[in-house]
Structure formats: structure tokens, C-alpha cells
Amino acid sequence: MILKIVHVGVQTPNCVRQTVFDAVALDYQPVTVIVDATAAATPDIHDGTYSLIACNWFYLLLIFYAFE
């Protein structure tokens, strides 16, 4: 039985976003994303993707920054 999902990866607007969306759709809660362990082509794309994710599933998503 899977109790938690902690996600890291590259291509934030593609792979990371879709994996988070799929995990939420499959009722895995909460989904944790380590932001400092993900990446996109530019900082604007990276930040924009997290804004989109947070707006849709802010109550199911835990976003952590490793270096704050």
C-alpha cells in the first residue's frame, strides 16, 4: 500500500506536472514535491508551473524548498 508520494524530476511543466496531476486523480494524498529537486528550461516556466499546480490542488499538495 502506498501511503505517500514524494516527487522530484526534470521538465517541471511536463513530467513533474503530469505526475502530480495523475497522483491526485488517483487519490494519493498528500503529494509532496521537492521544488529544489525539480527543473525546467527557465525559472519563469518552473515558477509558473508551480503556480498552476498550487492553484488547482493546493489542499492536496505539499511543496518544499530544500534550501530556504
PDB file of N, CA and C in Angstrom:
ATOM      1  N   MET A   1       0.843  -1.172   0.000  1.00  0.00           N
ATOM      2  CA  MET A   1       0.000   0.000   0.000  1.00  0.00           C
ATOM      3  C   MET A   1       0.891   1.239   0.000  1.00  0.00           C
ATOM      4  N   ILE A   2       0.631   2.147  -0.891  1.00  0.00           N
ATOM      5  CA  ILE A   2       1.394   3.390  -0.987  1.00  0.00           C
ATOM      6  C   ILE A   2       0.732   4.437  -0.096  1.00  0.00           C
ATOM      7  N   LEU A   3       1.513   4.997   0.826  1.00  0.00           N
ATOM      8  CA  LEU A   3       0.967   5.978   1.755  1.00  0.00           C
ATOM      9  C   LEU A   3       1.313   7.401   1.379  1.00  0.00           C
ATOM     10  N   LYS A   4       2.457   7.613   0.736  1.00  0.00           N
ATOM     11  CA  LYS A   4       2.899   8.960   0.385  1.00  0.00           C
ATOM     12  C   LYS A   4       3.602   8.926  -0.962  1.00  0.00           C
ATOM     13  N   ILE A   5       3.526  10.032  -1.670  1.00  0.00           N
ATOM     14  CA  ILE A   5       4.315  10.204  -2.883  1.00  0.00           C
ATOM     15  C   ILE A   5       5.162  11.452  -2.702  1.00  0.00           C
ATOM     16  N   VAL A   6       6.454  11.292  -2.876  1.00  0.00           N
ATOM     17  CA  VAL A   6       7.391  12.411  -2.854  1.00  0.00           C
ATOM     18  C   VAL A   6       7.980  12.470  -4.254  1.00  0.00           C
ATOM     19  N   HIS A   7       7.819  13.607  -4.922  1.00  0.00           N
ATOM     20  CA  HIS A   7       8.189  13.683  -6.332  1.00  0.00           C
ATOM     21  C   HIS A   7       9.307  14.687  -6.572  1.00  0.00           C
ATOM     22  N   VAL A   8      10.260  14.270  -7.397  1.00  0.00           N
ATOM     23  CA  VAL A   8      11.342  15.123  -7.889  1.00  0.00           C
ATOM     24  C   VAL A   8      11.505  14.793  -9.367  1.00  0.00           C
ATOM     25  N   GLY A   9      12.177  15.659 -10.119  1.00  0.00           N
ATOM     26  CA  GLY A   9      12.408  15.344 -11.520  1.00  0.00           C
ATOM     27  C   GLY A   9      12.691  16.576 -12.353  1.00  0.00           C
ATOM     28  N   VAL A  10      12.826  16.350 -13.644  1.00  0.00           N
ATOM     29  CA  VAL A  10      13.094  17.444 -14.572  1.00  0.00           C
ATOM     30  C   VAL A  10      11.884  17.642 -15.475  1.00  0.00           C
ATOM     31  N   GLN A  11      11.930  18.735 -16.198  1.00  0.00           N
ATOM     32  CA  GLN A  11      10.826  19.147 -17.069  1.00  0.00           C
ATOM     33  C   GLN A  11       9.552  19.385 -16.252  1.00  0.00           C
ATOM     34  N   THR A  12       9.641  20.339 -15.347  1.00  0.00           N
ATOM     35  CA  THR A  12       8.527  20.686 -14.467  1.00  0.00           C
ATOM     36  C   THR A  12       7.202  20.846 -15.207  1.00  0.00           C
ATOM     37  N   PRO A  13       7.152  21.561 -16.348  1.00  0.00           N
ATOM     38  CA  PRO A  13       5.849  21.760 -16.986  1.00  0.00           C
ATOM     39  C   PRO A  13       5.312  20.511 -17.683  1.00  0.00           C
ATOM     40  N   ASN A  14       6.098  19.473 -17.794  1.00  0.00           N
ATOM     41  CA  ASN A  14       5.647  18.260 -18.475  1.00  0.00           C
ATOM     42  C   ASN A  14       5.581  17.096 -17.502  1.00  0.00           C
ATOM     43  N   CYS A  15       6.695  16.459 -17.257  1.00  0.00           N
ATOM     44  CA  CYS A  15       6.730  15.240 -16.444  1.00  0.00           C
ATOM     45  C   CYS A  15       6.296  15.467 -15.000  1.00  0.00           C
ATOM     46  N   VAL A  16       6.846  16.475 -14.372  1.00  0.00           N
ATOM     47  CA  VAL A  16       6.526  16.723 -12.965  1.00  0.00           C
ATOM     48  C   VAL A  16       5.043  17.078 -12.818  1.00  0.00           C
ATOM     49  N   ARG A  17       4.574  18.025 -13.621  1.00  0.00           N
ATOM     50  CA  ARG A  17       3.166  18.447 -13.546  1.00  0.00           C
ATOM     51  C   ARG A  17       2.232  17.269 -13.776  1.00  0.00           C
ATOM     52  N   GLN A  18       2.469  16.495 -14.823  1.00  0.00           N
ATOM     53  CA  GLN A  18       1.569  15.393 -15.140  1.00  0.00           C
ATOM     54  C   GLN A  18       1.582  14.307 -14.071  1.00  0.00           C
ATOM     55  N   THR A  19       2.735  14.039 -13.507  1.00  0.00           N
ATOM     56  CA  THR A  19       2.809  13.045 -12.436  1.00  0.00           C
ATOM     57  C   THR A  19       2.014  13.497 -11.214  1.00  0.00           C
ATOM     58  N   VAL A  20       2.125  14.785 -10.875  1.00  0.00           N
ATOM     59  CA  VAL A  20       1.346  15.324  -9.756  1.00  0.00           C
ATOM     60  C   VAL A  20      -0.147  15.241 -10.067  1.00  0.00           C
ATOM     61  N   PHE A  21      -0.555  15.639 -11.259  1.00  0.00           N
ATOM     62  CA  PHE A  21      -1.966  15.569 -11.634  1.00  0.00           C
ATOM     63  C   PHE A  21      -2.476  14.129 -11.561  1.00  0.00           C
ATOM     64  N   ASP A  22      -1.700  13.182 -12.080  1.00  0.00           N
ATOM     65  CA  ASP A  22      -2.109  11.781 -12.051  1.00  0.00           C
ATOM     66  C   ASP A  22      -2.214  11.257 -10.626  1.00  0.00           C
ATOM     67  N   ALA A  23      -1.264  11.610  -9.787  1.00  0.00           N
ATOM     68  CA  ALA A  23      -1.289  11.146  -8.395  1.00  0.00           C
ATOM     69  C   ALA A  23      -2.523  11.659  -7.670  1.00  0.00           C
ATOM     70  N   VAL A  24      -2.866  12.914  -7.889  1.00  0.00           N
ATOM     71  CA  VAL A  24      -4.059  13.481  -7.258  1.00  0.00           C
ATOM     72  C   VAL A  24      -5.318  12.809  -7.812  1.00  0.00           C
ATOM     73  N   ALA A  25      -5.362  12.587  -9.117  1.00  0.00           N
ATOM     74  CA  ALA A  25      -6.520  11.936  -9.732  1.00  0.00           C
ATOM     75  C   ALA A  25      -6.707  10.511  -9.218  1.00  0.00           C
ATOM     76  N   LEU A  26      -5.619   9.864  -8.837  1.00  0.00           N
ATOM     77  CA  LEU A  26      -5.688   8.506  -8.298  1.00  0.00           C
ATOM     78  C   LEU A  26      -5.842   8.480  -6.781  1.00  0.00           C
ATOM     79  N   ASP A  27      -6.124   9.664  -6.207  1.00  0.00           N
ATOM     80  CA  ASP A  27      -6.403   9.806  -4.770  1.00  0.00           C
ATOM     81  C   ASP A  27      -5.226   9.556  -3.843  1.00  0.00           C
ATOM     82  N   TYR A  28      -4.015   9.760  -4.321  1.00  0.00           N
ATOM     83  CA  TYR A  28      -2.872   9.746  -3.415  1.00  0.00           C
ATOM     84  C   TYR A  28      -2.820  11.097  -2.727  1.00  0.00           C
ATOM     85  N   GLN A  29      -2.850  11.070  -1.388  1.00  0.00           N
ATOM     86  CA  GLN A  29      -2.846  12.322  -0.648  1.00  0.00           C
ATOM     87  C   GLN A  29      -1.997  12.168   0.598  1.00  0.00           C
ATOM     88  N   PRO A  30      -1.167  13.107   0.901  1.00  0.00           N
ATOM     89  CA  PRO A  30      -0.793  14.239   0.056  1.00  0.00           C
ATOM     90  C   PRO A  30       0.290  13.850  -0.938  1.00  0.00           C
ATOM     91  N   VAL A  31       0.462  14.679  -1.923  1.00  0.00           N
ATOM     92  CA  VAL A  31       1.553  14.544  -2.878  1.00  0.00           C
ATOM     93  C   VAL A  31       2.582  15.604  -2.509  1.00  0.00           C
ATOM     94  N   THR A  32       3.807  15.192  -2.290  1.00  0.00           N
ATOM     95  CA  THR A  32       4.865  16.112  -1.893  1.00  0.00           C
ATOM     96  C   THR A  32       5.813  16.321  -3.063  1.00  0.00           C
ATOM     97  N   VAL A  33       6.111  17.582  -3.363  1.00  0.00           N
ATOM     98  CA  VAL A  33       7.068  17.920  -4.409  1.00  0.00           C
ATOM     99  C   VAL A  33       8.215  18.689  -3.769  1.00  0.00           C
ATOM    100  N   ILE A  34       9.433  18.246  -4.018  1.00  0.00           N
ATOM    101  CA  ILE A  34      10.621  18.954  -3.557  1.00  0.00           C
ATOM    102  C   ILE A  34      11.030  19.892  -4.697  1.00  0.00           C
ATOM    103  N   VAL A  35      10.678  21.147  -4.584  1.00  0.00           N
ATOM    104  CA  VAL A  35      10.859  22.104  -5.673  1.00  0.00           C
ATOM    105  C   VAL A  35      12.320  22.250  -6.072  1.00  0.00           C
ATOM    106  N   ASP A  36      13.215  22.287  -5.113  1.00  0.00           N
ATOM    107  CA  ASP A  36      14.634  22.445  -5.426  1.00  0.00           C
ATOM    108  C   ASP A  36      15.226  21.220  -6.123  1.00  0.00           C
ATOM    109  N   ALA A  37      14.485  20.140  -6.192  1.00  0.00           N
ATOM    110  CA  ALA A  37      14.953  18.941  -6.878  1.00  0.00           C
ATOM    111  C   ALA A  37      14.178  18.721  -8.181  1.00  0.00           C
ATOM    112  N   THR A  38      13.595  19.794  -8.700  1.00  0.00           N
ATOM    113  CA  THR A  38      12.925  19.762  -9.995  1.00  0.00           C
ATOM    114  C   THR A  38      13.488  20.889 -10.847  1.00  0.00           C
ATOM    115  N   ALA A  39      13.240  20.820 -12.147  1.00  0.00           N
ATOM    116  CA  ALA A  39      13.819  21.835 -13.027  1.00  0.00           C
ATOM    117  C   ALA A  39      12.990  21.997 -14.293  1.00  0.00           C
ATOM    118  N   ALA A  40      13.145  23.178 -14.912  1.00  0.00           N
ATOM    119  CA  ALA A  40      12.535  23.469 -16.208  1.00  0.00           C
ATOM    120  C   ALA A  40      13.550  24.250 -17.033  1.00  0.00           C
ATOM    121  N   ALA A  41      13.185  24.545 -18.259  1.00  0.00           N
ATOM    122  CA  ALA A  41      14.109  25.242 -19.159  1.00  0.00           C
ATOM    123  C   ALA A  41      14.465  26.633 -18.658  1.00  0.00           C
ATOM    124  N   THR A  42      13.509  27.317 -18.016  1.00  0.00           N
ATOM    125  CA  THR A  42      13.770  28.653 -17.477  1.00  0.00           C
ATOM    126  C   THR A  42      13.122  28.774 -16.101  1.00  0.00           C
ATOM    127  N   PRO A  43      13.594  29.695 -15.281  1.00  0.00           N
ATOM    128  CA  PRO A  43      12.961  29.915 -13.975  1.00  0.00           C
ATOM    129  C   PRO A  43      11.494  30.345 -14.091  1.00  0.00           C
ATOM    130  N   ASP A  44      11.158  31.132 -15.104  1.00  0.00           N
ATOM    131  CA  ASP A  44       9.771  31.569 -15.276  1.00  0.00           C
ATOM    132  C   ASP A  44       8.835  30.395 -15.554  1.00  0.00           C
ATOM    133  N   ILE A  45       9.266  29.484 -16.390  1.00  0.00           N
ATOM    134  CA  ILE A  45       8.458  28.295 -16.677  1.00  0.00           C
ATOM    135  C   ILE A  45       8.318  27.444 -15.417  1.00  0.00           C
ATOM    136  N   HIS A  46       9.396  27.271 -14.713  1.00  0.00           N
ATOM    137  CA  HIS A  46       9.407  26.481 -13.476  1.00  0.00           C
ATOM    138  C   HIS A  46       8.430  27.066 -12.456  1.00  0.00           C
ATOM    139  N   ASP A  47       8.555  28.359 -12.178  1.00  0.00           N
ATOM    140  CA  ASP A  47       7.689  29.014 -11.197  1.00  0.00           C
ATOM    141  C   ASP A  47       6.233  29.039 -11.649  1.00  0.00           C
ATOM    142  N   GLY A  48       6.010  29.273 -12.930  1.00  0.00           N
ATOM    143  CA  GLY A  48       4.646  29.299 -13.456  1.00  0.00           C
ATOM    144  C   GLY A  48       3.947  27.968 -13.327  1.00  0.00           C
ATOM    145  N   THR A  49       4.689  26.902 -13.519  1.00  0.00           N
ATOM    146  CA  THR A  49       4.102  25.566 -13.385  1.00  0.00           C
ATOM    147  C   THR A  49       3.672  25.312 -11.953  1.00  0.00           C
ATOM    148  N   TYR A  50       4.486  25.710 -10.989  1.00  0.00           N
ATOM    149  CA  TYR A  50       4.094  25.517  -9.593  1.00  0.00           C
ATOM    150  C   TYR A  50       2.913  26.389  -9.200  1.00  0.00           C
ATOM    151  N   SER A  51       2.795  27.545  -9.796  1.00  0.00           N
ATOM    152  CA  SER A  51       1.614  28.383  -9.559  1.00  0.00           C
ATOM    153  C   SER A  51       0.362  27.673 -10.056  1.00  0.00           C
ATOM    154  N   LEU A  52       0.438  27.086 -11.242  1.00  0.00           N
ATOM    155  CA  LEU A  52      -0.686  26.344 -11.803  1.00  0.00           C
ATOM    156  C   LEU A  52      -1.049  25.150 -10.933  1.00  0.00           C
ATOM    157  N   ILE A  53      -0.049  24.386 -10.528  1.00  0.00           N
ATOM    158  CA  ILE A  53      -0.302  23.219  -9.685  1.00  0.00           C
ATOM    159  C   ILE A  53      -0.929  23.644  -8.360  1.00  0.00           C
ATOM    160  N   ALA A  54      -0.383  24.648  -7.728  1.00  0.00           N
ATOM    161  CA  ALA A  54      -0.874  25.093  -6.418  1.00  0.00           C
ATOM    162  C   ALA A  54      -2.293  25.635  -6.507  1.00  0.00           C
ATOM    163  N   CYS A  55      -2.626  26.307  -7.586  1.00  0.00           N
ATOM    164  CA  CYS A  55      -3.984  26.848  -7.747  1.00  0.00           C
ATOM    165  C   CYS A  55      -5.022  25.746  -7.870  1.00  0.00           C
ATOM    166  N   ASN A  56      -4.639  24.634  -8.461  1.00  0.00           N
ATOM    167  CA  ASN A  56      -5.589  23.552  -8.680  1.00  0.00           C
ATOM    168  C   ASN A  56      -5.708  22.584  -7.518  1.00  0.00           C
ATOM    169  N   TRP A  57      -4.581  22.294  -6.868  1.00  0.00           N
ATOM    170  CA  TRP A  57      -4.591  21.270  -5.823  1.00  0.00           C
ATOM    171  C   TRP A  57      -3.843  21.704  -4.575  1.00  0.00           C
ATOM    172  N   PHE A  58      -4.005  22.940  -4.185  1.00  0.00           N
ATOM    173  CA  PHE A  58      -3.244  23.438  -3.035  1.00  0.00           C
ATOM    174  C   PHE A  58      -3.544  22.668  -1.764  1.00  0.00           C
ATOM    175  N   TYR A  59      -4.697  22.095  -1.630  1.00  0.00           N
ATOM    176  CA  TYR A  59      -5.051  21.390  -0.406  1.00  0.00           C
ATOM    177  C   TYR A  59      -4.542  19.947  -0.389  1.00  0.00           C
ATOM    178  N   LEU A  60      -4.047  19.463  -1.512  1.00  0.00           N
ATOM    179  CA  LEU A  60      -3.525  18.106  -1.572  1.00  0.00           C
ATOM    180  C   LEU A  60      -2.019  18.053  -1.769  1.00  0.00           C
ATOM    181  N   LEU A  61      -1.407  19.211  -1.973  1.00  0.00           N
ATOM    182  CA  LEU A  61      -0.018  19.253  -2.395  1.00  0.00           C
ATOM    183  C   LEU A  61       0.850  19.910  -1.341  1.00  0.00           C
ATOM    184  N   LEU A  62       1.950  19.264  -1.020  1.00  0.00           N
ATOM    185  CA  LEU A  62       2.946  19.840  -0.129  1.00  0.00           C
ATOM    186  C   LEU A  62       4.153  20.182  -0.976  1.00  0.00           C
ATOM    187  N   ILE A  63       4.536  21.447  -0.989  1.00  0.00           N
ATOM    188  CA  ILE A  63       5.681  21.882  -1.779  1.00  0.00           C
ATOM    189  C   ILE A  63       6.776  22.317  -0.815  1.00  0.00           C
ATOM    190  N   PHE A  64       7.944  21.710  -0.948  1.00  0.00           N
ATOM    191  CA  PHE A  64       9.057  22.019  -0.070  1.00  0.00           C
ATOM    192  C   PHE A  64      10.223  22.582  -0.849  1.00  0.00           C
ATOM    193  N   TYR A  65      10.887  23.527  -0.253  1.00  0.00           N
ATOM    194  CA  TYR A  65      12.116  24.084  -0.792  1.00  0.00           C
ATOM    195  C   TYR A  65      13.250  23.591   0.112  1.00  0.00           C
ATOM    196  N   ALA A  66      14.210  22.929  -0.457  1.00  0.00           N
ATOM    197  CA  ALA A  66      15.282  22.320   0.323  1.00  0.00           C
ATOM    198  C   ALA A  66      16.244  23.349   0.913  1.00  0.00           C
ATOM    199  N   PHE A  67      16.370  24.501   0.270  1.00  0.00           N
ATOM    200  CA  PHE A  67      17.410  25.446   0.682  1.00  0.00           C
ATOM    201  C   PHE A  67      16.852  26.778   1.121  1.00  0.00           C
ATOM    202  N   GLU A  68      15.812  26.791   1.897  1.00  0.00           N
ATOM    203  CA  GLU A  68      15.294  28.060   2.428  1.00  0.00           C
ATOM    204  C   GLU A  68      15.521  28.145   3.909  1.00  0.00           C
TER     205      GLU A  68
END
